[in-house]
Amino acid sequence: MQKKTIQELEEVYDLELNKVISEIKKKRAKLVLLQFADGLKPYATTIVDYLESKTNAEFLIWFGTCFGACDTPVGLERLRPKIDLVVQFGHNSMMPSY
């Protein structure tokens, strides 16, 4: 699989990366966990590279399953250093538009 650029990804997916960057800066997050739906996992490192270039945060990629917003990893509070922010990326909007 050929690696896609952020611009190519944003043509296909509405990743809302500006919102993610804004939230990281607002919360002054130093360590951010990114959780991806399976179809987006191949692009995780491209997204991390982009976010690292725009923030001072470090990123962890959760490679476990992710079946939606309610599928948050358990036990994160025991990790050290502490994760400051969890961001979930999915394929679809939460609410359908009619």
C-alpha atoms as a PDB file:
ATOM      1  CA  MET A   1       0.000   0.000   0.000  1.00  0.00           C
ATOM      2  CA  GLN A   2       1.327   3.415  -0.948  1.00  0.00           C
ATOM      3  CA  LYS A   3       1.534   5.900   1.925  1.00  0.00           C
ATOM      4  CA  LYS A   4      -1.017   8.699   1.595  1.00  0.00           C
ATOM      5  CA  THR A   5      -0.367  12.317   2.451  1.00  0.00           C
ATOM      6  CA  ILE A   6      -2.564  14.245   4.874  1.00  0.00           C
ATOM      7  CA  GLN A   7      -4.000  16.150   1.925  1.00  0.00           C
ATOM      8  CA  GLU A   8      -4.977  12.887   0.205  1.00  0.00           C
ATOM      9  CA  LEU A   9      -6.530  11.556   3.411  1.00  0.00           C
ATOM     10  CA  GLU A  10      -8.532  14.733   3.974  1.00  0.00           C
ATOM     11  CA  GLU A  11      -9.974  14.446   0.457  1.00  0.00           C
ATOM     12  CA  VAL A  12     -11.522  11.128   1.528  1.00  0.00           C
ATOM     13  CA  TYR A  13     -12.034  11.529   5.302  1.00  0.00           C
ATOM     14  CA  ASP A  14     -13.129  14.491   7.398  1.00  0.00           C
ATOM     15  CA  LEU A  15     -10.538  13.940  10.130  1.00  0.00           C
ATOM     16  CA  GLU A  16     -11.116  17.345  11.740  1.00  0.00           C
ATOM     17  CA  LEU A  17      -7.405  17.648  12.432  1.00  0.00           C
ATOM     18  CA  ASN A  18      -7.679  21.378  13.150  1.00  0.00           C
ATOM     19  CA  LYS A  19     -10.086  20.542  15.987  1.00  0.00           C
ATOM     20  CA  VAL A  20      -7.712  17.884  17.290  1.00  0.00           C
ATOM     21  CA  ILE A  21      -4.789  20.325  17.219  1.00  0.00           C
ATOM     22  CA  SER A  22      -6.869  22.997  18.930  1.00  0.00           C
ATOM     23  CA  GLU A  23      -7.946  20.589  21.696  1.00  0.00           C
ATOM     24  CA  ILE A  24      -4.379  19.396  22.266  1.00  0.00           C
ATOM     25  CA  LYS A  25      -3.211  22.988  22.640  1.00  0.00           C
ATOM     26  CA  LYS A  26      -6.196  24.021  24.772  1.00  0.00           C
ATOM     27  CA  LYS A  27      -5.648  21.133  27.210  1.00  0.00           C
ATOM     28  CA  ARG A  28      -1.867  21.515  27.030  1.00  0.00           C
ATOM     29  CA  ALA A  29      -1.730  17.773  26.435  1.00  0.00           C
ATOM     30  CA  LYS A  30       1.748  16.276  26.484  1.00  0.00           C
ATOM     31  CA  LEU A  31       0.781  12.639  25.818  1.00  0.00           C
ATOM     32  CA  VAL A  32      -2.134  11.847  23.510  1.00  0.00           C
ATOM     33  CA  LEU A  33      -3.588   8.426  22.741  1.00  0.00           C
ATOM     34  CA  LEU A  34      -5.037   8.086  19.242  1.00  0.00           C
ATOM     35  CA  GLN A  35      -7.597   5.358  18.598  1.00  0.00           C
ATOM     36  CA  PHE A  36      -8.527   4.484  15.010  1.00  0.00           C
ATOM     37  CA  ALA A  37     -11.260   2.472  13.361  1.00  0.00           C
ATOM     38  CA  ASP A  38      -9.680  -0.512  11.583  1.00  0.00           C
ATOM     39  CA  GLY A  39      -9.964   1.073   8.135  1.00  0.00           C
ATOM     40  CA  LEU A  40      -7.997   4.128   9.279  1.00  0.00           C
ATOM     41  CA  LYS A  41      -5.205   2.248  11.082  1.00  0.00           C
ATOM     42  CA  PRO A  42      -3.011   2.033   7.954  1.00  0.00           C
ATOM     43  CA  TYR A  43      -2.847   5.846   8.001  1.00  0.00           C
ATOM     44  CA  ALA A  44      -2.122   6.223  11.729  1.00  0.00           C
ATOM     45  CA  THR A  45       1.559   7.099  11.354  1.00  0.00           C
ATOM     46  CA  THR A  46       0.806   9.696   8.675  1.00  0.00           C
ATOM     47  CA  ILE A  47      -1.682  11.345  11.027  1.00  0.00           C
ATOM     48  CA  VAL A  48       0.764  11.183  13.945  1.00  0.00           C
ATOM     49  CA  ASP A  49       3.539  12.737  11.848  1.00  0.00           C
ATOM     50  CA  TYR A  50       1.223  15.599  10.923  1.00  0.00           C
ATOM     51  CA  LEU A  51       0.011  16.180  14.491  1.00  0.00           C
ATOM     52  CA  GLU A  52       3.583  16.093  15.818  1.00  0.00           C
ATOM     53  CA  SER A  53       4.540  18.792  13.320  1.00  0.00           C
ATOM     54  CA  LYS A  54       1.720  21.035  14.603  1.00  0.00           C
ATOM     55  CA  THR A  55       1.919  20.443  18.376  1.00  0.00           C
ATOM     56  CA  ASN A  56       4.407  19.763  21.159  1.00  0.00           C
ATOM     57  CA  ALA A  57       2.627  16.561  22.161  1.00  0.00           C
ATOM     58  CA  GLU A  58       3.800  12.961  21.967  1.00  0.00           C
ATOM     59  CA  PHE A  59       1.420  10.339  20.602  1.00  0.00           C
ATOM     60  CA  LEU A  60       0.557   6.720  21.270  1.00  0.00           C
ATOM     61  CA  ILE A  61      -1.420   4.684  18.756  1.00  0.00           C
ATOM     62  CA  TRP A  62      -3.942   2.213  20.184  1.00  0.00           C
ATOM     63  CA  PHE A  63      -3.844  -0.891  17.995  1.00  0.00           C
ATOM     64  CA  GLY A  64      -6.620  -2.695  19.837  1.00  0.00           C
ATOM     65  CA  THR A  65     -10.131  -2.808  18.463  1.00  0.00           C
ATOM     66  CA  CYS A  66     -12.311   0.264  18.142  1.00  0.00           C
ATOM     67  CA  PHE A  67     -15.994  -0.217  17.415  1.00  0.00           C
ATOM     68  CA  GLY A  68     -17.153   3.308  18.152  1.00  0.00           C
ATOM     69  CA  ALA A  69     -17.069   6.093  20.694  1.00  0.00           C
ATOM     70  CA  CYS A  70     -18.143   3.798  23.539  1.00  0.00           C
ATOM     71  CA  ASP A  71     -15.163   1.489  22.897  1.00  0.00           C
ATOM     72  CA  THR A  72     -12.635   3.378  25.014  1.00  0.00           C
ATOM     73  CA  PRO A  73      -9.594   1.397  26.201  1.00  0.00           C
ATOM     74  CA  VAL A  74      -9.778   0.423  29.875  1.00  0.00           C
ATOM     75  CA  GLY A  75      -6.969   0.748  32.371  1.00  0.00           C
ATOM     76  CA  LEU A  76      -5.487   3.918  30.900  1.00  0.00           C
ATOM     77  CA  GLU A  77      -5.456   5.565  34.313  1.00  0.00           C
ATOM     78  CA  ARG A  78      -2.787   3.062  35.408  1.00  0.00           C
ATOM     79  CA  LEU A  79      -0.379   4.024  32.634  1.00  0.00           C
ATOM     80  CA  ARG A  80       2.641   6.144  33.449  1.00  0.00           C
ATOM     81  CA  PRO A  81       3.279   8.700  32.183  1.00  0.00           C
ATOM     82  CA  LYS A  82      -0.330   9.731  32.318  1.00  0.00           C
ATOM     83  CA  ILE A  83      -2.275  10.096  29.079  1.00  0.00           C
ATOM     84  CA  ASP A  84      -3.672  13.620  28.908  1.00  0.00           C
ATOM     85  CA  LEU A  85      -6.103  13.170  26.023  1.00  0.00           C
ATOM     86  CA  VAL A  86      -7.731  10.352  24.032  1.00  0.00           C
ATOM     87  CA  VAL A  87      -8.822  11.054  20.451  1.00  0.00           C
ATOM     88  CA  GLN A  88     -10.926   8.555  18.512  1.00  0.00           C
ATOM     89  CA  PHE A  89     -11.050   8.596  14.716  1.00  0.00           C
ATOM     90  CA  GLY A  90     -13.912   6.810  12.950  1.00  0.00           C
ATOM     91  CA  HIS A  91     -15.325   6.488   9.481  1.00  0.00           C
ATOM     92  CA  ASN A  92     -18.778   7.974   9.973  1.00  0.00           C
ATOM     93  CA  SER A  93     -20.513  10.808  11.698  1.00  0.00           C
ATOM     94  CA  MET A  94     -22.312  10.002  14.923  1.00  0.00           C
ATOM     95  CA  MET A  95     -25.646  11.172  13.582  1.00  0.00           C
ATOM     96  CA  PRO A  96     -26.965  10.565  10.072  1.00  0.00           C
ATOM     97  CA  SER A  97     -28.021  13.595   8.050  1.00  0.00           C
ATOM     98  CA  TYR A  98     -31.453  13.415   6.454  1.00  0.00           C
END
